[in-house]
């Protein structure tokens, strides 16, 4: 099996989350730098892989995904099912899911506050 390809940009927090999972799950990975400061995400070769031009993006032997939370769940489910990183127990998994969604709910709330001013 070919190593997982991870398209990433080091300062990007969602990319760091995926890197953390890759390292902790000991997944063989080929890191491919996409320099957002240089507009690499808008180059035609990257847009063929990810028309949303967002990071992180993975290529798992032709299976392409983006969105860090979905990638994190996929990596654990495909490489370490039943792992404590993403437990099978519905209540424990719900707690993990709530933590994964915390920043998006906070950003939504902040957006509503900012718009109201």
C-alpha atoms as a PDB file:
ATOM      1  CA  UNK A   1       0.000   0.000   0.000  1.00  0.00           C
ATOM      2  CA  UNK A   2       1.314   3.441  -0.920  1.00  0.00           C
ATOM      3  CA  UNK A   3       1.829   5.919   1.881  1.00  0.00           C
ATOM      4  CA  UNK A   4      -0.987   8.318   2.637  1.00  0.00           C
ATOM      5  CA  UNK A   5      -0.429  11.644   0.872  1.00  0.00           C
ATOM      6  CA  UNK A   6      -1.070  14.648   3.080  1.00  0.00           C
ATOM      7  CA  UNK A   7      -1.297  18.047   1.457  1.00  0.00           C
ATOM      8  CA  UNK A   8      -0.640  20.543   4.230  1.00  0.00           C
ATOM      9  CA  UNK A   9       0.676  23.929   5.317  1.00  0.00           C
ATOM     10  CA  UNK A  10       2.547  23.848   8.664  1.00  0.00           C
ATOM     11  CA  UNK A  11       1.048  27.000  10.285  1.00  0.00           C
ATOM     12  CA  UNK A  12      -2.514  25.806   9.572  1.00  0.00           C
ATOM     13  CA  UNK A  13      -4.171  24.482  12.789  1.00  0.00           C
ATOM     14  CA  UNK A  14      -6.385  21.916  10.995  1.00  0.00           C
ATOM     15  CA  UNK A  15      -3.254  20.589   9.253  1.00  0.00           C
ATOM     16  CA  UNK A  16      -1.474  20.300  12.585  1.00  0.00           C
ATOM     17  CA  UNK A  17      -4.412  18.313  13.980  1.00  0.00           C
ATOM     18  CA  UNK A  18      -4.123  15.811  11.128  1.00  0.00           C
ATOM     19  CA  UNK A  19      -0.342  15.659  11.557  1.00  0.00           C
ATOM     20  CA  UNK A  20      -0.870  14.920  15.254  1.00  0.00           C
ATOM     21  CA  UNK A  21      -3.189  12.026  14.390  1.00  0.00           C
ATOM     22  CA  UNK A  22      -0.841  10.675  11.714  1.00  0.00           C
ATOM     23  CA  UNK A  23       2.066  10.701  14.150  1.00  0.00           C
ATOM     24  CA  UNK A  24       0.119   9.164  17.019  1.00  0.00           C
ATOM     25  CA  UNK A  25      -1.429   6.468  14.842  1.00  0.00           C
ATOM     26  CA  UNK A  26       1.992   5.811  13.270  1.00  0.00           C
ATOM     27  CA  UNK A  27       0.644   6.154   9.738  1.00  0.00           C
ATOM     28  CA  UNK A  28       3.198   6.200   6.938  1.00  0.00           C
ATOM     29  CA  UNK A  29       2.688   9.543   5.227  1.00  0.00           C
ATOM     30  CA  UNK A  30       4.089  11.495   2.319  1.00  0.00           C
ATOM     31  CA  UNK A  31       3.836  15.171   3.275  1.00  0.00           C
ATOM     32  CA  UNK A  32       3.234  17.529   0.376  1.00  0.00           C
ATOM     33  CA  UNK A  33       3.663  21.208   1.184  1.00  0.00           C
ATOM     34  CA  UNK A  34       1.004  23.523  -0.223  1.00  0.00           C
ATOM     35  CA  UNK A  35       2.246  27.029   0.559  1.00  0.00           C
ATOM     36  CA  UNK A  36      -0.837  29.165   1.133  1.00  0.00           C
ATOM     37  CA  UNK A  37       1.286  32.308   1.286  1.00  0.00           C
ATOM     38  CA  UNK A  38       2.330  31.671  -2.327  1.00  0.00           C
ATOM     39  CA  UNK A  39      -1.128  30.677  -3.574  1.00  0.00           C
ATOM     40  CA  UNK A  40      -0.187  27.033  -4.166  1.00  0.00           C
ATOM     41  CA  UNK A  41      -3.758  26.016  -3.305  1.00  0.00           C
ATOM     42  CA  UNK A  42      -4.958  27.773  -6.473  1.00  0.00           C
ATOM     43  CA  UNK A  43      -2.590  26.018  -8.867  1.00  0.00           C
ATOM     44  CA  UNK A  44      -4.329  23.804 -11.443  1.00  0.00           C
ATOM     45  CA  UNK A  45      -2.590  20.629 -10.244  1.00  0.00           C
ATOM     46  CA  UNK A  46      -3.948  21.122  -6.706  1.00  0.00           C
ATOM     47  CA  UNK A  47      -7.407  22.172  -7.908  1.00  0.00           C
ATOM     48  CA  UNK A  48      -7.628  18.823  -9.770  1.00  0.00           C
ATOM     49  CA  UNK A  49      -7.230  17.101  -6.404  1.00  0.00           C
ATOM     50  CA  UNK A  50      -9.340  19.515  -4.363  1.00  0.00           C
ATOM     51  CA  UNK A  51     -11.642  21.955  -6.169  1.00  0.00           C
ATOM     52  CA  UNK A  52     -12.427  23.552  -2.789  1.00  0.00           C
ATOM     53  CA  UNK A  53      -8.702  24.448  -2.562  1.00  0.00           C
ATOM     54  CA  UNK A  54      -8.621  23.990   1.212  1.00  0.00           C
ATOM     55  CA  UNK A  55      -6.202  22.266   3.546  1.00  0.00           C
ATOM     56  CA  UNK A  56      -5.594  19.717   4.827  1.00  0.00           C
ATOM     57  CA  UNK A  57      -6.313  17.289   2.003  1.00  0.00           C
ATOM     58  CA  UNK A  58      -5.433  13.608   1.902  1.00  0.00           C
ATOM     59  CA  UNK A  59      -5.042  11.116  -0.903  1.00  0.00           C
ATOM     60  CA  UNK A  60      -5.332   7.571   0.409  1.00  0.00           C
ATOM     61  CA  UNK A  61      -4.520   5.482  -2.661  1.00  0.00           C
ATOM     62  CA  UNK A  62      -6.902   7.547  -4.818  1.00  0.00           C
ATOM     63  CA  UNK A  63      -9.476   8.263  -2.108  1.00  0.00           C
ATOM     64  CA  UNK A  64      -9.393  12.052  -1.750  1.00  0.00           C
ATOM     65  CA  UNK A  65     -10.746  13.895   1.301  1.00  0.00           C
ATOM     66  CA  UNK A  66     -10.570  17.352   2.758  1.00  0.00           C
ATOM     67  CA  UNK A  67     -11.983  18.857   5.961  1.00  0.00           C
ATOM     68  CA  UNK A  68      -9.848  18.056   8.975  1.00  0.00           C
ATOM     69  CA  UNK A  69     -12.574  16.616  11.218  1.00  0.00           C
ATOM     70  CA  UNK A  70     -13.689  14.171   8.530  1.00  0.00           C
ATOM     71  CA  UNK A  71     -10.058  13.254   7.847  1.00  0.00           C
ATOM     72  CA  UNK A  72      -9.409  12.635  11.543  1.00  0.00           C
ATOM     73  CA  UNK A  73     -12.408  10.320  11.863  1.00  0.00           C
ATOM     74  CA  UNK A  74     -11.493   8.521   8.636  1.00  0.00           C
ATOM     75  CA  UNK A  75      -7.887   7.943   9.699  1.00  0.00           C
ATOM     76  CA  UNK A  76      -8.859   6.419  13.022  1.00  0.00           C
ATOM     77  CA  UNK A  77     -11.727   4.388  11.538  1.00  0.00           C
ATOM     78  CA  UNK A  78      -9.569   3.047   8.701  1.00  0.00           C
ATOM     79  CA  UNK A  79      -6.234   2.605  10.502  1.00  0.00           C
ATOM     80  CA  UNK A  80      -7.123   2.018  14.157  1.00  0.00           C
ATOM     81  CA  UNK A  81     -10.792   1.057  14.549  1.00  0.00           C
ATOM     82  CA  UNK A  82     -11.888   1.039  18.144  1.00  0.00           C
ATOM     83  CA  UNK A  83      -8.999   3.277  19.186  1.00  0.00           C
ATOM     84  CA  UNK A  84      -9.475   5.517  22.185  1.00  0.00           C
ATOM     85  CA  UNK A  85      -8.867   8.431  19.801  1.00  0.00           C
ATOM     86  CA  UNK A  86     -12.343   7.801  18.351  1.00  0.00           C
ATOM     87  CA  UNK A  87     -14.084   5.221  20.536  1.00  0.00           C
ATOM     88  CA  UNK A  88     -16.895   2.964  19.321  1.00  0.00           C
ATOM     89  CA  UNK A  89     -19.058   3.555  22.398  1.00  0.00           C
ATOM     90  CA  UNK A  90     -21.704   6.094  21.277  1.00  0.00           C
ATOM     91  CA  UNK A  91     -21.476   8.250  24.412  1.00  0.00           C
ATOM     92  CA  UNK A  92     -17.691   8.392  24.394  1.00  0.00           C
ATOM     93  CA  UNK A  93     -17.686   9.086  20.646  1.00  0.00           C
ATOM     94  CA  UNK A  94     -20.268  11.847  21.159  1.00  0.00           C
ATOM     95  CA  UNK A  95     -17.881  13.533  23.611  1.00  0.00           C
ATOM     96  CA  UNK A  96     -15.059  13.372  21.056  1.00  0.00           C
ATOM     97  CA  UNK A  97     -17.393  14.735  18.360  1.00  0.00           C
ATOM     98  CA  UNK A  98     -18.458  17.594  20.620  1.00  0.00           C
ATOM     99  CA  UNK A  99     -14.816  18.544  21.230  1.00  0.00           C
ATOM    100  CA  UNK A 100     -14.085  18.365  17.505  1.00  0.00           C
ATOM    101  CA  UNK A 101     -16.983  20.750  16.864  1.00  0.00           C
ATOM    102  CA  UNK A 102     -16.219  23.155  19.686  1.00  0.00           C
ATOM    103  CA  UNK A 103     -14.221  25.647  17.664  1.00  0.00           C
ATOM    104  CA  UNK A 104     -16.822  25.840  14.898  1.00  0.00           C
ATOM    105  CA  UNK A 105     -19.622  26.546  17.384  1.00  0.00           C
ATOM    106  CA  UNK A 106     -17.540  29.216  19.095  1.00  0.00           C
ATOM    107  CA  UNK A 107     -16.716  30.841  15.749  1.00  0.00           C
ATOM    108  CA  UNK A 108     -20.405  30.774  14.800  1.00  0.00           C
ATOM    109  CA  UNK A 109     -21.324  32.475  18.072  1.00  0.00           C
ATOM    110  CA  UNK A 110     -18.574  35.078  17.656  1.00  0.00           C
ATOM    111  CA  UNK A 111     -19.745  35.740  14.121  1.00  0.00           C
ATOM    112  CA  UNK A 112     -23.245  36.426  15.391  1.00  0.00           C
ATOM    113  CA  UNK A 113     -21.897  38.803  18.043  1.00  0.00           C
ATOM    114  CA  UNK A 114     -19.759  40.688  15.548  1.00  0.00           C
ATOM    115  CA  UNK A 115     -22.623  41.008  13.053  1.00  0.00           C
ATOM    116  CA  UNK A 116     -24.876  42.441  15.757  1.00  0.00           C
ATOM    117  CA  UNK A 117     -22.561  45.436  16.322  1.00  0.00           C
END
